[in-house]
Amino acid sequence: MEQEQVTVKTPEYVSLNFKLAGLGSRAGAMIIDQLILTVLNILIIVGLVFTMQSDFMDITTSLLPLTITIILIFVIYWGYFFAWEYFFGGRTPGKKVLGIRVIQENGHSITLLSSVLRNLLRIIDMLPSAYFVGMIWVFFHSKHKRIGDLVAGTIVVHERGGKKDKKSDPFNKEIRERGLTKESLSLDDWALRSLGMKEWKLLQTYRERVFQVDDTERVVLTRKLAGVLFPKIGLDPETMPYREMEDTLLVLYLILSEEWEFEW
């Protein structure tokens, strides 16, 4: 099925365009993830064999590691998808290789509840075998959703292209020369939640202009944006030296890009 575009209206009334991931890319990502899980399962089963050999004459004792192994395989299988999608920006290793990720229908990163729901419902999508039900839904649904996506309110989209030129980009070059990383600024969860799509758009504009204008305009642009954003995260721009103010805005861009840069 041909890939389609979907437009999302955020709570900030900003329109975002995403390219939906179709059956082919989602199946490819699943194959990679299943290969990783198969290797993990083989290692667990090998460990079970060795354990049961040592208790070969005691059937009661041998049943315990077998039960533990069955439970462990289930927990790893379900936990693998949940952990990767929730803690790593909606990307399992398979999705990362294929350049796709899971997001909320409103354009935000996947929430804890949504990750739990969509992965618990894999049990239904896998029926009767080999994800048959899930594949049928993805193929025919207008937004390529499986049942887990329908219940969780999620979609799977392609990452935004054009990342290969990042190293030569003046903005990223400046960040590297200053030695800035996302860890250069520590923000509480409440502070991050106060920065949404509206703030990301402002930082995108800043990124495009800050190193393209003369020094006077650059100072005005930096102070103006700092005055808008810093109070939202508990910082007072009036008490900060200009260079620190500029560095903080650059790091804020890095932090928010983790959530918003997959927009097309």
C-alpha atoms as a PDB file:
ATOM      1  CA  MET A   1       0.000   0.000   0.000  1.00  0.00           C
ATOM      2  CA  GLU A   2       1.392   3.416  -0.923  1.00  0.00           C
ATOM      3  CA  GLN A   3       2.687   5.561   1.919  1.00  0.00           C
ATOM      4  CA  GLU A   4       0.385   8.447   2.810  1.00  0.00           C
ATOM      5  CA  GLN A   5       0.687  11.775   4.541  1.00  0.00           C
ATOM      6  CA  VAL A   6      -1.312  12.613   7.638  1.00  0.00           C
ATOM      7  CA  THR A   7      -1.817  16.088   9.106  1.00  0.00           C
ATOM      8  CA  VAL A   8      -2.064  16.462  12.878  1.00  0.00           C
ATOM      9  CA  LYS A   9      -3.410  19.484  14.734  1.00  0.00           C
ATOM     10  CA  THR A  10      -1.594  19.934  18.037  1.00  0.00           C
ATOM     11  CA  PRO A  11      -3.213  21.458  21.160  1.00  0.00           C
ATOM     12  CA  GLU A  12      -1.218  24.605  20.283  1.00  0.00           C
ATOM     13  CA  TYR A  13      -3.128  24.812  16.943  1.00  0.00           C
ATOM     14  CA  VAL A  14      -0.021  24.005  14.921  1.00  0.00           C
ATOM     15  CA  SER A  15      -0.387  21.716  11.903  1.00  0.00           C
ATOM     16  CA  LEU A  16       2.166  18.911  11.557  1.00  0.00           C
ATOM     17  CA  ASN A  17       2.642  16.657   8.552  1.00  0.00           C
ATOM     18  CA  PHE A  18       3.837  13.079   8.934  1.00  0.00           C
ATOM     19  CA  LYS A  19       4.506  10.297   6.471  1.00  0.00           C
ATOM     20  CA  LEU A  20       2.778   7.154   7.696  1.00  0.00           C
ATOM     21  CA  ALA A  21       4.750   3.919   7.877  1.00  0.00           C
ATOM     22  CA  GLY A  22       3.074   1.229   5.808  1.00  0.00           C
ATOM     23  CA  LEU A  23       3.004  -2.541   6.033  1.00  0.00           C
ATOM     24  CA  GLY A  24       6.395  -3.029   4.361  1.00  0.00           C
ATOM     25  CA  SER A  25       8.480  -0.882   6.696  1.00  0.00           C
ATOM     26  CA  ARG A  26       6.602  -2.057   9.790  1.00  0.00           C
ATOM     27  CA  ALA A  27       7.023  -5.701   8.813  1.00  0.00           C
ATOM     28  CA  GLY A  28      10.730  -5.138   8.165  1.00  0.00           C
ATOM     29  CA  ALA A  29      11.178  -3.579  11.598  1.00  0.00           C
ATOM     30  CA  MET A  30       9.264  -6.453  13.189  1.00  0.00           C
ATOM     31  CA  ILE A  31      11.510  -9.032  11.499  1.00  0.00           C
ATOM     32  CA  ILE A  32      14.620  -7.352  12.930  1.00  0.00           C
ATOM     33  CA  ASP A  33      13.090  -7.183  16.412  1.00  0.00           C
ATOM     34  CA  GLN A  34      11.964 -10.806  16.208  1.00  0.00           C
ATOM     35  CA  LEU A  35      15.496 -11.900  15.281  1.00  0.00           C
ATOM     36  CA  ILE A  36      16.847 -10.120  18.362  1.00  0.00           C
ATOM     37  CA  LEU A  37      14.176 -11.720  20.547  1.00  0.00           C
ATOM     38  CA  THR A  38      14.873 -15.146  19.046  1.00  0.00           C
ATOM     39  CA  VAL A  39      18.533 -14.876  20.032  1.00  0.00           C
ATOM     40  CA  LEU A  40      17.513 -13.890  23.577  1.00  0.00           C
ATOM     41  CA  ASN A  41      15.055 -16.802  23.780  1.00  0.00           C
ATOM     42  CA  ILE A  42      17.676 -19.277  22.590  1.00  0.00           C
ATOM     43  CA  LEU A  43      20.071 -18.093  25.300  1.00  0.00           C
ATOM     44  CA  ILE A  44      17.335 -18.494  27.930  1.00  0.00           C
ATOM     45  CA  ILE A  45      16.428 -21.992  26.717  1.00  0.00           C
ATOM     46  CA  VAL A  46      20.076 -23.056  26.682  1.00  0.00           C
ATOM     47  CA  GLY A  47      20.311 -21.887  30.275  1.00  0.00           C
ATOM     48  CA  LEU A  48      17.183 -23.922  31.100  1.00  0.00           C
ATOM     49  CA  VAL A  49      18.667 -27.083  29.565  1.00  0.00           C
ATOM     50  CA  PHE A  50      21.791 -26.815  31.673  1.00  0.00           C
ATOM     51  CA  THR A  51      19.731 -26.137  34.790  1.00  0.00           C
ATOM     52  CA  MET A  52      17.430 -29.130  34.229  1.00  0.00           C
ATOM     53  CA  GLN A  53      20.355 -31.453  33.517  1.00  0.00           C
ATOM     54  CA  SER A  54      21.767 -30.693  36.915  1.00  0.00           C
ATOM     55  CA  ASP A  55      18.393 -31.614  38.469  1.00  0.00           C
ATOM     56  CA  PHE A  56      17.690 -34.501  36.099  1.00  0.00           C
ATOM     57  CA  MET A  57      16.619 -36.982  38.780  1.00  0.00           C
ATOM     58  CA  ASP A  58      14.316 -34.577  40.585  1.00  0.00           C
ATOM     59  CA  ILE A  59      11.168 -33.890  38.525  1.00  0.00           C
ATOM     60  CA  THR A  60       9.668 -31.504  41.096  1.00  0.00           C
ATOM     61  CA  THR A  61      12.817 -29.385  41.160  1.00  0.00           C
ATOM     62  CA  SER A  62      13.077 -29.474  37.358  1.00  0.00           C
ATOM     63  CA  LEU A  63       9.586 -28.008  36.905  1.00  0.00           C
ATOM     64  CA  LEU A  64      10.521 -24.818  38.733  1.00  0.00           C
ATOM     65  CA  PRO A  65      13.147 -23.553  36.246  1.00  0.00           C
ATOM     66  CA  LEU A  66      10.824 -24.542  33.374  1.00  0.00           C
ATOM     67  CA  THR A  67       8.020 -22.413  34.836  1.00  0.00           C
ATOM     68  CA  ILE A  68      10.376 -19.527  35.489  1.00  0.00           C
ATOM     69  CA  THR A  69      11.704 -19.756  31.924  1.00  0.00           C
ATOM     70  CA  ILE A  70       8.206 -19.612  30.379  1.00  0.00           C
ATOM     71  CA  ILE A  71       7.340 -16.567  32.469  1.00  0.00           C
ATOM     72  CA  LEU A  72      10.707 -14.954  31.683  1.00  0.00           C
ATOM     73  CA  ILE A  73      10.249 -15.408  27.923  1.00  0.00           C
ATOM     74  CA  PHE A  74       6.807 -13.778  28.088  1.00  0.00           C
ATOM     75  CA  VAL A  75       8.068 -10.854  30.200  1.00  0.00           C
ATOM     76  CA  ILE A  76      11.057 -10.260  27.917  1.00  0.00           C
ATOM     77  CA  TYR A  77       8.919 -10.406  24.779  1.00  0.00           C
ATOM     78  CA  TRP A  78       6.354  -7.926  26.073  1.00  0.00           C
ATOM     79  CA  GLY A  79       8.876  -5.798  27.975  1.00  0.00           C
ATOM     80  CA  TYR A  80      11.183  -5.531  24.963  1.00  0.00           C
ATOM     81  CA  PHE A  81       8.666  -3.578  22.880  1.00  0.00           C
ATOM     82  CA  PHE A  82       7.297  -1.590  25.815  1.00  0.00           C
ATOM     83  CA  ALA A  83      10.716  -0.502  27.114  1.00  0.00           C
ATOM     84  CA  TRP A  84      12.181   0.437  23.742  1.00  0.00           C
ATOM     85  CA  GLU A  85       9.117   2.358  22.605  1.00  0.00           C
ATOM     86  CA  TYR A  86       8.540   4.247  25.844  1.00  0.00           C
ATOM     87  CA  PHE A  87      12.115   4.992  26.911  1.00  0.00           C
ATOM     88  CA  PHE A  88      13.711   5.431  23.478  1.00  0.00           C
ATOM     89  CA  GLY A  89      11.380   7.791  21.650  1.00  0.00           C
ATOM     90  CA  GLY A  90       9.020   5.226  20.115  1.00  0.00           C
ATOM     91  CA  ARG A  91      11.823   3.297  18.425  1.00  0.00           C
ATOM     92  CA  THR A  92      12.731  -0.342  18.886  1.00  0.00           C
ATOM     93  CA  PRO A  93      16.031  -1.421  17.276  1.00  0.00           C
ATOM     94  CA  GLY A  94      14.058  -2.630  14.250  1.00  0.00           C
ATOM     95  CA  LYS A  95      12.178   0.646  13.916  1.00  0.00           C
ATOM     96  CA  LYS A  96      15.393   2.621  14.280  1.00  0.00           C
ATOM     97  CA  VAL A  97      17.043   0.688  11.437  1.00  0.00           C
ATOM     98  CA  LEU A  98      13.999   1.256   9.190  1.00  0.00           C
ATOM     99  CA  GLY A  99      13.689   4.925  10.197  1.00  0.00           C
ATOM    100  CA  ILE A 100      10.217   4.752  11.737  1.00  0.00           C
ATOM    101  CA  ARG A 101       8.809   5.432  15.187  1.00  0.00           C
ATOM    102  CA  VAL A 102       5.584   5.325  17.225  1.00  0.00           C
ATOM    103  CA  ILE A 103       3.960   8.601  18.272  1.00  0.00           C
ATOM    104  CA  GLN A 104       0.622   9.747  19.657  1.00  0.00           C
ATOM    105  CA  GLU A 105      -2.043  10.831  17.207  1.00  0.00           C
ATOM    106  CA  ASN A 106      -1.666  14.392  18.500  1.00  0.00           C
ATOM    107  CA  GLY A 107       1.996  14.450  17.422  1.00  0.00           C
ATOM    108  CA  HIS A 108       3.504  14.001  20.891  1.00  0.00           C
ATOM    109  CA  SER A 109       5.808  11.211  21.997  1.00  0.00           C
ATOM    110  CA  ILE A 110       4.170   7.972  23.092  1.00  0.00           C
ATOM    111  CA  THR A 111       2.881   8.001  26.680  1.00  0.00           C
ATOM    112  CA  LEU A 112       3.324   5.321  29.330  1.00  0.00           C
ATOM    113  CA  LEU A 113      -0.333   4.234  29.136  1.00  0.00           C
ATOM    114  CA  SER A 114      -0.331   4.105  25.329  1.00  0.00           C
ATOM    115  CA  SER A 115       2.845   2.029  25.280  1.00  0.00           C
ATOM    116  CA  VAL A 116       1.353  -0.431  27.774  1.00  0.00           C
ATOM    117  CA  LEU A 117      -1.927  -0.744  25.848  1.00  0.00           C
ATOM    118  CA  ARG A 118      -0.508  -1.115  22.328  1.00  0.00           C
ATOM    119  CA  ASN A 119       1.933  -3.771  23.456  1.00  0.00           C
ATOM    120  CA  LEU A 120      -0.490  -5.747  25.582  1.00  0.00           C
ATOM    121  CA  LEU A 121      -2.762  -5.945  22.549  1.00  0.00           C
ATOM    122  CA  ARG A 122      -0.019  -7.579  20.496  1.00  0.00           C
ATOM    123  CA  ILE A 123      -1.593 -10.787  21.789  1.00  0.00           C
ATOM    124  CA  ILE A 124      -4.639 -10.069  19.600  1.00  0.00           C
ATOM    125  CA  ASP A 125      -2.665  -8.698  16.650  1.00  0.00           C
ATOM    126  CA  MET A 126      -0.564 -11.881  16.582  1.00  0.00           C
ATOM    127  CA  LEU A 127      -3.605 -14.151  16.070  1.00  0.00           C
ATOM    128  CA  PRO A 128      -3.879 -16.753  14.675  1.00  0.00           C
ATOM    129  CA  SER A 129      -0.101 -16.643  14.015  1.00  0.00           C
ATOM    130  CA  ALA A 130       2.641 -14.485  12.490  1.00  0.00           C
ATOM    131  CA  TYR A 131       0.769 -11.209  13.195  1.00  0.00           C
ATOM    132  CA  PHE A 132      -1.919 -12.092  10.653  1.00  0.00           C
ATOM    133  CA  VAL A 133      -4.661  -9.977  12.281  1.00  0.00           C
ATOM    134  CA  GLY A 134      -2.278  -7.056  12.795  1.00  0.00           C
ATOM    135  CA  MET A 135      -1.065  -7.126   9.192  1.00  0.00           C
ATOM    136  CA  ILE A 136      -4.609  -7.160   7.841  1.00  0.00           C
ATOM    137  CA  TRP A 137      -5.490  -4.100   9.926  1.00  0.00           C
ATOM    138  CA  VAL A 138      -2.321  -2.226   8.930  1.00  0.00           C
ATOM    139  CA  PHE A 139      -2.913  -2.949   5.244  1.00  0.00           C
ATOM    140  CA  PHE A 140      -6.540  -1.843   5.114  1.00  0.00           C
ATOM    141  CA  HIS A 141      -6.709   0.907   7.756  1.00  0.00           C
ATOM    142  CA  SER A 142      -6.497   4.457   6.372  1.00  0.00           C
ATOM    143  CA  LYS A 143      -3.728   5.314   8.865  1.00  0.00           C
ATOM    144  CA  HIS A 144      -2.052   1.871   8.770  1.00  0.00           C
ATOM    145  CA  LYS A 145      -3.058   1.029  12.332  1.00  0.00           C
ATOM    146  CA  ARG A 146      -3.116  -2.348  13.963  1.00  0.00           C
ATOM    147  CA  ILE A 147      -5.585  -3.039  16.783  1.00  0.00           C
ATOM    148  CA  GLY A 148      -3.044  -2.000  19.413  1.00  0.00           C
ATOM    149  CA  ASP A 149      -2.676   1.388  17.716  1.00  0.00           C
ATOM    150  CA  LEU A 150      -6.447   1.883  17.587  1.00  0.00           C
ATOM    151  CA  VAL A 151      -6.861   1.331  21.317  1.00  0.00           C
ATOM    152  CA  ALA A 152      -3.721   3.251  22.329  1.00  0.00           C
ATOM    153  CA  GLY A 153      -4.336   6.205  19.996  1.00  0.00           C
ATOM    154  CA  THR A 154      -0.955   5.878  18.265  1.00  0.00           C
ATOM    155  CA  ILE A 155       0.398   5.967  14.724  1.00  0.00           C
ATOM    156  CA  VAL A 156       3.702   4.828  13.236  1.00  0.00           C
ATOM    157  CA  VAL A 157       5.500   7.410  11.103  1.00  0.00           C
ATOM    158  CA  HIS A 158       8.721   7.781   9.162  1.00  0.00           C
ATOM    159  CA  GLU A 159      11.517   9.856  10.632  1.00  0.00           C
ATOM    160  CA  ARG A 160      12.169  13.112   8.864  1.00  0.00           C
ATOM    161  CA  GLY A 161      14.833  12.850   6.177  1.00  0.00           C
ATOM    162  CA  GLY A 162      17.739  15.157   5.501  1.00  0.00           C
ATOM    163  CA  LYS A 163      19.791  14.248   8.575  1.00  0.00           C
ATOM    164  CA  LYS A 164      22.894  13.295   6.593  1.00  0.00           C
ATOM    165  CA  ASP A 165      23.932  16.962   6.198  1.00  0.00           C
ATOM    166  CA  LYS A 166      23.788  17.750   9.917  1.00  0.00           C
ATOM    167  CA  LYS A 167      27.547  17.677  10.497  1.00  0.00           C
ATOM    168  CA  SER A 168      28.171  20.430   7.948  1.00  0.00           C
ATOM    169  CA  ASP A 169      25.257  22.535   9.184  1.00  0.00           C
ATOM    170  CA  PRO A 170      26.501  25.817  10.790  1.00  0.00           C
ATOM    171  CA  PHE A 171      24.143  25.414  13.742  1.00  0.00           C
ATOM    172  CA  ASN A 172      25.312  21.915  14.624  1.00  0.00           C
ATOM    173  CA  LYS A 173      28.917  22.834  13.929  1.00  0.00           C
ATOM    174  CA  GLU A 174      28.640  25.649  16.458  1.00  0.00           C
ATOM    175  CA  ILE A 175      27.118  23.282  19.026  1.00  0.00           C
ATOM    176  CA  ARG A 176      29.996  20.824  18.567  1.00  0.00           C
ATOM    177  CA  GLU A 177      32.621  23.560  18.883  1.00  0.00           C
ATOM    178  CA  ARG A 178      31.045  24.729  22.135  1.00  0.00           C
ATOM    179  CA  GLY A 179      30.939  21.175  23.456  1.00  0.00           C
ATOM    180  CA  LEU A 180      27.195  21.326  24.145  1.00  0.00           C
ATOM    181  CA  THR A 181      25.031  18.231  24.584  1.00  0.00           C
ATOM    182  CA  LYS A 182      21.510  17.502  25.839  1.00  0.00           C
ATOM    183  CA  GLU A 183      23.088  16.727  29.206  1.00  0.00           C
ATOM    184  CA  SER A 184      24.452  20.281  29.447  1.00  0.00           C
ATOM    185  CA  LEU A 185      21.099  21.394  30.862  1.00  0.00           C
ATOM    186  CA  SER A 186      19.217  19.540  33.585  1.00  0.00           C
ATOM    187  CA  LEU A 187      15.448  19.979  33.401  1.00  0.00           C
ATOM    188  CA  ASP A 188      12.746  18.539  35.645  1.00  0.00           C
ATOM    189  CA  ASP A 189       9.812  16.674  34.103  1.00  0.00           C
ATOM    190  CA  TRP A 190       7.439  19.552  34.858  1.00  0.00           C
ATOM    191  CA  ALA A 191       9.724  21.917  32.936  1.00  0.00           C
ATOM    192  CA  LEU A 192       9.851  19.656  29.887  1.00  0.00           C
ATOM    193  CA  ARG A 193       6.060  19.300  29.898  1.00  0.00           C
ATOM    194  CA  SER A 194       5.727  23.085  29.767  1.00  0.00           C
ATOM    195  CA  LEU A 195       7.534  23.158  26.400  1.00  0.00           C
ATOM    196  CA  GLY A 196       5.319  22.055  23.543  1.00  0.00           C
ATOM    197  CA  MET A 197       5.003  22.460  19.796  1.00  0.00           C
ATOM    198  CA  LYS A 198       4.699  26.259  20.008  1.00  0.00           C
ATOM    199  CA  GLU A 199       8.050  26.492  21.801  1.00  0.00           C
ATOM    200  CA  TRP A 200       9.624  24.002  19.373  1.00  0.00           C
ATOM    201  CA  LYS A 201       8.560  26.160  16.417  1.00  0.00           C
ATOM    202  CA  LEU A 202      10.172  29.191  18.068  1.00  0.00           C
ATOM    203  CA  LEU A 203      13.404  27.264  18.567  1.00  0.00           C
ATOM    204  CA  GLN A 204      13.316  26.079  14.956  1.00  0.00           C
ATOM    205  CA  THR A 205      13.088  29.692  13.797  1.00  0.00           C
ATOM    206  CA  TYR A 206      15.938  30.602  16.148  1.00  0.00           C
ATOM    207  CA  ARG A 207      18.028  27.763  14.751  1.00  0.00           C
ATOM    208  CA  GLU A 208      17.542  28.980  11.190  1.00  0.00           C
ATOM    209  CA  ARG A 209      18.397  32.617  11.926  1.00  0.00           C
ATOM    210  CA  VAL A 210      20.765  32.895  14.871  1.00  0.00           C
ATOM    211  CA  PHE A 211      24.008  32.317  12.954  1.00  0.00           C
ATOM    212  CA  GLN A 212      22.785  33.939   9.754  1.00  0.00           C
ATOM    213  CA  VAL A 213      22.246  37.484  11.070  1.00  0.00           C
ATOM    214  CA  ASP A 214      24.628  40.207  12.269  1.00  0.00           C
ATOM    215  CA  ASP A 215      25.715  40.399  15.915  1.00  0.00           C
ATOM    216  CA  THR A 216      23.245  43.122  16.892  1.00  0.00           C
ATOM    217  CA  GLU A 217      20.215  41.244  15.556  1.00  0.00           C
ATOM    218  CA  ARG A 218      21.551  38.017  17.027  1.00  0.00           C
ATOM    219  CA  VAL A 219      21.640  39.522  20.528  1.00  0.00           C
ATOM    220  CA  VAL A 220      18.112  40.917  20.147  1.00  0.00           C
ATOM    221  CA  LEU A 221      16.811  37.574  18.841  1.00  0.00           C
ATOM    222  CA  THR A 222      18.455  35.609  21.661  1.00  0.00           C
ATOM    223  CA  ARG A 223      17.254  37.903  24.451  1.00  0.00           C
ATOM    224  CA  LYS A 224      13.723  37.995  23.058  1.00  0.00           C
ATOM    225  CA  LEU A 225      13.418  34.197  22.828  1.00  0.00           C
ATOM    226  CA  ALA A 226      15.051  33.699  26.232  1.00  0.00           C
ATOM    227  CA  GLY A 227      12.483  36.076  27.723  1.00  0.00           C
ATOM    228  CA  VAL A 228       9.693  33.900  26.330  1.00  0.00           C
ATOM    229  CA  LEU A 229      11.057  30.417  27.081  1.00  0.00           C
ATOM    230  CA  PHE A 230      13.174  30.661  30.217  1.00  0.00           C
ATOM    231  CA  PRO A 231      10.371  31.580  32.668  1.00  0.00           C
ATOM    232  CA  LYS A 232       8.562  28.401  31.553  1.00  0.00           C
ATOM    233  CA  ILE A 233      11.460  26.256  32.835  1.00  0.00           C
ATOM    234  CA  GLY A 234      12.254  28.263  35.955  1.00  0.00           C
ATOM    235  CA  LEU A 235      15.177  30.318  34.616  1.00  0.00           C
ATOM    236  CA  ASP A 236      15.620  34.088  34.879  1.00  0.00           C
ATOM    237  CA  PRO A 237      17.252  35.496  31.719  1.00  0.00           C
ATOM    238  CA  GLU A 238      17.956  38.794  33.478  1.00  0.00           C
ATOM    239  CA  THR A 239      20.515  37.114  35.738  1.00  0.00           C
ATOM    240  CA  MET A 240      22.366  35.239  32.987  1.00  0.00           C
ATOM    241  CA  PRO A 241      25.380  36.362  30.955  1.00  0.00           C
ATOM    242  CA  TYR A 242      24.634  36.572  27.243  1.00  0.00           C
ATOM    243  CA  ARG A 243      26.820  33.588  26.281  1.00  0.00           C
ATOM    244  CA  GLU A 244      25.116  31.376  28.879  1.00  0.00           C
ATOM    245  CA  MET A 245      21.734  32.522  27.589  1.00  0.00           C
ATOM    246  CA  GLU A 246      22.666  31.561  24.042  1.00  0.00           C
ATOM    247  CA  ASP A 247      24.119  28.203  25.111  1.00  0.00           C
ATOM    248  CA  THR A 248      20.932  27.408  27.026  1.00  0.00           C
ATOM    249  CA  LEU A 249      18.785  28.045  23.958  1.00  0.00           C
ATOM    250  CA  LEU A 250      21.019  25.806  21.846  1.00  0.00           C
ATOM    251  CA  VAL A 251      20.740  23.000  24.384  1.00  0.00           C
ATOM    252  CA  LEU A 252      16.971  23.481  24.611  1.00  0.00           C
ATOM    253  CA  TYR A 253      16.821  22.947  20.874  1.00  0.00           C
ATOM    254  CA  LEU A 254      18.748  19.682  21.239  1.00  0.00           C
ATOM    255  CA  ILE A 255      16.437  18.487  24.004  1.00  0.00           C
ATOM    256  CA  LEU A 256      13.189  19.274  22.184  1.00  0.00           C
ATOM    257  CA  SER A 257      14.473  17.905  18.884  1.00  0.00           C
ATOM    258  CA  GLU A 258      14.404  14.451  20.472  1.00  0.00           C
ATOM    259  CA  GLU A 259      10.622  14.696  20.605  1.00  0.00           C
ATOM    260  CA  TRP A 260       9.717  16.931  17.684  1.00  0.00           C
ATOM    261  CA  GLU A 261      12.324  16.493  14.952  1.00  0.00           C
ATOM    262  CA  PHE A 262      10.540  13.592  13.255  1.00  0.00           C
ATOM    263  CA  GLU A 263       7.959  16.025  11.832  1.00  0.00           C
ATOM    264  CA  TRP A 264       7.901  16.163   8.020  1.00  0.00           C
END
